[in-house]
């Protein structure tokens, strides 16, 4: 089983001292005996650039015709990168079993739209803005033979739907969001796998206000990734 974990904007090392997908790669290796790749893409590069880097990393790791088709799991901007890669590289798309996008702004994020307005030369924000992401969504249709699924963060249970860090961002993104990505943008009429009670960082195993090792997590993320892989394996 070959799995690729594709990180979002700001890079693979945004969570200092912790993997971007916190503990996910090791968990999937132990649970499924999987071969797991965690490529490093440009932290604030355009989607087209990150998509090329993603393809190169996959080919280096698995070759151009892996015996086991690839299971792609992508968080946030990583979902746009993966869709762009599958559109630009038809030969590699034939080697992909599934793409599960986790909290991906297929129709953009108002937060990125604001950043792009303030700094129109911010490459990542250009593509993550509502106008930019909608353009990518329109030109990257799903490819036949690949199982596409969406995991959507709908905020935490209880009175505090997000970590404090995301509170001001949620005022921009809207109440129906994970603090960064609106639910409507993450789903975008696509194939829903799960809605989960998590904010944008919880869903990859990080509480940006707290130290989960010292107290119960707000969201237990590892079982989610097991379910994603089991779903992909049915395709």
Protein backbone atom coordinates (compact mmCIF):
# COMPACT_ATOMS: atom_id res chain seq x y z
CA UNK A 1 0.00 0.00 0.00
CA UNK A 2 1.46 3.35 -1.11
CA UNK A 3 0.23 6.52 0.62
CA UNK A 4 1.15 10.16 0.00
CA UNK A 5 0.38 12.81 2.64
CA UNK A 6 0.26 16.27 1.04
CA UNK A 7 0.60 19.27 3.33
CA UNK A 8 -1.03 22.67 3.05
CA UNK A 9 0.21 26.23 2.87
CA UNK A 10 3.17 27.50 4.94
CA UNK A 11 5.08 24.27 4.59
CA UNK A 12 5.74 20.90 6.11
CA UNK A 13 7.47 22.42 9.15
CA UNK A 14 4.86 24.97 10.19
CA UNK A 15 4.17 23.00 13.38
CA UNK A 16 7.60 23.38 14.93
CA UNK A 17 8.99 20.12 16.25
CA UNK A 18 6.05 18.06 15.00
CA UNK A 19 5.21 16.50 11.63
CA UNK A 20 2.56 18.39 9.67
CA UNK A 21 0.31 15.30 9.75
CA UNK A 22 1.04 14.70 13.42
CA UNK A 23 1.81 11.02 13.94
CA UNK A 24 -0.22 10.00 10.90
CA UNK A 25 2.57 8.49 8.79
CA UNK A 26 3.85 6.25 11.59
CA UNK A 27 0.30 5.23 12.49
CA UNK A 28 -0.48 4.21 8.92
CA UNK A 29 2.79 2.31 8.62
CA UNK A 30 2.02 0.34 11.78
CA UNK A 31 -1.66 -0.20 11.03
CA UNK A 32 -1.48 -1.08 7.33
CA UNK A 33 2.19 -1.83 6.70
CA UNK A 34 2.03 1.06 4.25
CA UNK A 35 4.82 2.87 2.49
CA UNK A 36 4.17 6.53 3.29
CA UNK A 37 5.64 9.59 1.56
CA UNK A 38 5.46 13.08 3.08
CA UNK A 39 6.83 15.39 0.36
CA UNK A 40 7.93 18.95 1.09
CA UNK A 41 6.37 21.54 -1.20
CA UNK A 42 6.98 25.27 -1.50
CA UNK A 43 5.47 26.90 1.62
CA UNK A 44 3.88 29.82 -0.22
CA UNK A 45 4.35 28.81 -3.86
CA UNK A 46 1.59 28.79 -6.47
CA UNK A 47 -0.45 25.63 -6.91
CA UNK A 48 1.05 24.88 -10.33
CA UNK A 49 4.57 25.01 -8.86
CA UNK A 50 3.65 22.84 -5.90
CA UNK A 51 1.92 20.36 -8.22
CA UNK A 52 5.13 19.93 -10.23
CA UNK A 53 7.13 19.42 -7.04
CA UNK A 54 4.57 16.90 -5.84
CA UNK A 55 4.85 14.87 -9.04
CA UNK A 56 8.65 14.91 -8.85
CA UNK A 57 8.63 13.71 -5.24
CA UNK A 58 6.20 10.89 -6.05
CA UNK A 59 8.22 9.72 -9.04
CA UNK A 60 11.44 9.76 -6.99
CA UNK A 61 9.84 7.65 -4.27
CA UNK A 62 7.59 5.27 -6.21
CA UNK A 63 8.74 5.47 -9.82
CA UNK A 64 6.50 6.09 -12.81
CA UNK A 65 4.55 2.85 -12.58
CA UNK A 66 4.20 1.66 -8.97
CA UNK A 67 2.81 -1.84 -8.55
CA UNK A 68 0.35 -0.61 -5.92
CA UNK A 69 -1.69 2.41 -6.92
CA UNK A 70 -1.25 5.54 -4.83
CA UNK A 71 -3.60 6.70 -2.09
CA UNK A 72 -3.34 10.50 -1.90
CA UNK A 73 -4.45 12.29 1.28
CA UNK A 74 -4.21 16.07 1.10
CA UNK A 75 -4.89 18.79 3.66
CA UNK A 76 -6.06 22.28 2.75
CA UNK A 77 -4.04 23.73 -0.18
CA UNK A 78 -2.59 20.26 -0.72
CA UNK A 79 -5.90 19.18 -2.20
CA UNK A 80 -5.64 21.84 -4.90
CA UNK A 81 -2.04 20.81 -5.55
CA UNK A 82 -3.09 17.18 -6.00
CA UNK A 83 -5.98 18.02 -8.32
CA UNK A 84 -3.68 20.22 -10.42
CA UNK A 85 -1.06 17.46 -10.58
CA UNK A 86 -3.62 14.91 -11.74
CA UNK A 87 -4.79 17.32 -14.44
CA UNK A 88 -1.30 18.21 -15.66
CA UNK A 89 0.19 14.72 -15.56
CA UNK A 90 -2.17 12.16 -17.06
CA UNK A 91 0.50 9.46 -16.96
CA UNK A 92 0.77 9.73 -13.18
CA UNK A 93 -3.00 9.94 -12.74
CA UNK A 94 -3.20 6.39 -14.06
CA UNK A 95 -1.17 5.30 -11.02
CA UNK A 96 -3.55 6.86 -8.47
CA UNK A 97 -6.25 4.90 -6.68
CA UNK A 98 -7.82 7.74 -4.68
CA UNK A 99 -7.58 11.35 -3.59
CA UNK A 100 -9.11 12.33 -0.26
CA UNK A 101 -9.06 16.08 0.35
CA UNK A 102 -9.19 17.16 4.00
CA UNK A 103 -10.48 20.70 4.60
CA UNK A 104 -9.50 21.80 1.10
CA UNK A 105 -10.85 25.19 -0.08
CA UNK A 106 -12.01 24.10 -3.54
CA UNK A 107 -13.90 27.39 -3.83
CA UNK A 108 -11.34 29.41 -1.88
CA UNK A 109 -11.21 30.99 1.55
CA UNK A 110 -12.28 34.53 2.45
CA UNK A 111 -9.20 34.64 4.68
CA UNK A 112 -6.96 34.15 1.64
CA UNK A 113 -9.02 36.66 -0.33
CA UNK A 114 -8.24 39.26 2.33
CA UNK A 115 -4.54 38.37 2.39
CA UNK A 116 -4.45 38.56 -1.40
CA UNK A 117 -6.10 42.01 -1.29
CA UNK A 118 -3.50 43.25 1.19
CA UNK A 119 -0.60 41.60 -0.64
CA UNK A 120 -1.52 40.79 -4.27
CA UNK A 121 1.97 39.33 -4.81
CA UNK A 122 1.48 36.61 -2.18
CA UNK A 123 1.58 33.55 -4.43
CA UNK A 124 -0.26 31.07 -2.23
CA UNK A 125 -2.97 33.56 -1.27
CA UNK A 126 -3.60 34.27 -4.95
CA UNK A 127 -4.55 30.63 -5.55
CA UNK A 128 -6.32 30.15 -2.21
CA UNK A 129 -8.48 33.24 -2.67
CA UNK A 130 -12.06 32.71 -3.76
CA UNK A 131 -11.33 33.82 -7.32
CA UNK A 132 -8.10 31.85 -7.59
CA UNK A 133 -9.38 28.58 -6.14
CA UNK A 134 -12.58 28.69 -8.19
CA UNK A 135 -10.48 28.97 -11.34
CA UNK A 136 -8.41 25.94 -10.33
CA UNK A 137 -11.54 24.01 -9.40
CA UNK A 138 -13.06 24.72 -12.81
CA UNK A 139 -10.05 23.58 -14.81
CA UNK A 140 -9.27 20.46 -12.77
CA UNK A 141 -12.20 18.06 -13.18
CA UNK A 142 -12.12 14.68 -11.50
CA UNK A 143 -10.34 12.04 -13.54
CA UNK A 144 -12.02 8.77 -14.44
CA UNK A 145 -10.84 5.78 -12.44
CA UNK A 146 -9.86 7.76 -9.31
CA UNK A 147 -11.95 7.70 -6.14
CA UNK A 148 -12.46 11.27 -4.87
CA UNK A 149 -13.68 11.97 -1.35
CA UNK A 150 -13.92 15.03 0.90
CA UNK A 151 -13.43 15.37 4.66
CA UNK A 152 -14.91 18.62 5.96
CA UNK A 153 -14.10 20.28 9.29
CA UNK A 154 -17.20 21.82 10.87
CA UNK A 155 -15.68 23.12 14.10
CA UNK A 156 -15.31 21.62 17.54
CA UNK A 157 -18.14 20.44 19.72
CA UNK A 158 -19.06 22.71 22.61
CA UNK A 159 -19.02 26.44 23.13
CA UNK A 160 -15.63 27.02 21.49
CA UNK A 161 -15.74 25.83 17.87
CA UNK A 162 -12.06 26.58 17.21
CA UNK A 163 -8.78 27.18 18.98
CA UNK A 164 -8.35 30.80 20.07
CA UNK A 165 -5.86 31.30 17.24
CA UNK A 166 -8.62 30.83 14.69
CA UNK A 167 -11.27 33.01 16.37
CA UNK A 168 -10.47 36.20 14.38
CA UNK A 169 -10.04 34.18 11.19
CA UNK A 170 -13.40 32.50 11.72
CA UNK A 171 -15.04 35.93 11.77
CA UNK A 172 -13.75 36.32 8.21
CA UNK A 173 -14.33 32.73 7.07
CA UNK A 174 -17.82 32.59 8.58
CA UNK A 175 -19.48 30.57 11.33
CA UNK A 176 -19.98 27.60 9.00
CA UNK A 177 -16.25 26.89 8.74
CA UNK A 178 -13.32 25.19 10.43
CA UNK A 179 -11.89 28.60 11.27
CA UNK A 180 -10.24 29.04 7.87
CA UNK A 181 -12.16 27.14 5.19
CA UNK A 182 -15.93 27.53 4.81
CA UNK A 183 -17.85 24.26 4.85
CA UNK A 184 -19.40 25.14 1.47
CA UNK A 185 -15.93 25.58 -0.05
CA UNK A 186 -14.56 22.34 1.39
CA UNK A 187 -17.55 20.35 0.14
CA UNK A 188 -18.23 22.27 -3.08
CA UNK A 189 -20.79 19.72 -4.30
CA UNK A 190 -18.18 16.95 -4.27
CA UNK A 191 -18.27 13.45 -2.71
CA UNK A 192 -18.45 13.75 1.08
CA UNK A 193 -16.73 11.09 3.15
CA UNK A 194 -17.11 12.69 6.58
CA UNK A 195 -17.92 15.89 8.41
CA UNK A 196 -15.77 16.05 11.53
CA UNK A 197 -15.93 18.19 14.66
CA UNK A 198 -12.50 19.75 14.31
CA UNK A 199 -10.88 23.05 13.41
CA UNK A 200 -8.39 23.49 10.59
CA UNK A 201 -5.39 22.37 12.67
CA UNK A 202 -7.15 19.76 14.83
CA UNK A 203 -7.86 17.77 11.70
CA UNK A 204 -4.14 17.11 11.15
CA UNK A 205 -3.46 16.51 14.85
CA UNK A 206 -2.51 19.92 16.22
CA UNK A 207 -4.18 22.07 18.86
CA UNK A 208 -2.54 25.42 18.19
CA UNK A 209 -3.52 26.72 21.65
CA UNK A 210 -2.57 23.73 23.72
CA UNK A 211 -0.26 20.75 24.26
CA UNK A 212 -2.43 17.69 23.53
CA UNK A 213 0.12 15.37 25.15
CA UNK A 214 -0.77 16.88 28.54
CA UNK A 215 -4.57 16.57 28.31
CA UNK A 216 -7.22 14.95 26.11
CA UNK A 217 -7.29 16.14 22.52
CA UNK A 218 -10.22 18.18 21.27
CA UNK A 219 -10.31 15.81 18.28
CA UNK A 220 -8.76 12.38 17.91
CA UNK A 221 -7.42 12.52 14.38
CA UNK A 222 -5.65 9.18 13.89
CA UNK A 223 -8.85 7.09 13.57
CA UNK A 224 -9.97 9.48 10.84
CA UNK A 225 -6.93 8.65 8.72
CA UNK A 226 -7.52 4.95 9.25
CA UNK A 227 -11.05 5.42 7.92
CA UNK A 228 -9.77 7.40 4.95
CA UNK A 229 -7.35 4.62 4.01
CA UNK A 230 -9.94 1.86 4.50
CA UNK A 231 -12.35 3.78 2.29
CA UNK A 232 -9.67 4.28 -0.36
CA UNK A 233 -8.79 0.60 -0.29
CA UNK A 234 -12.35 -0.29 -1.34
CA UNK A 235 -11.96 1.51 -4.66
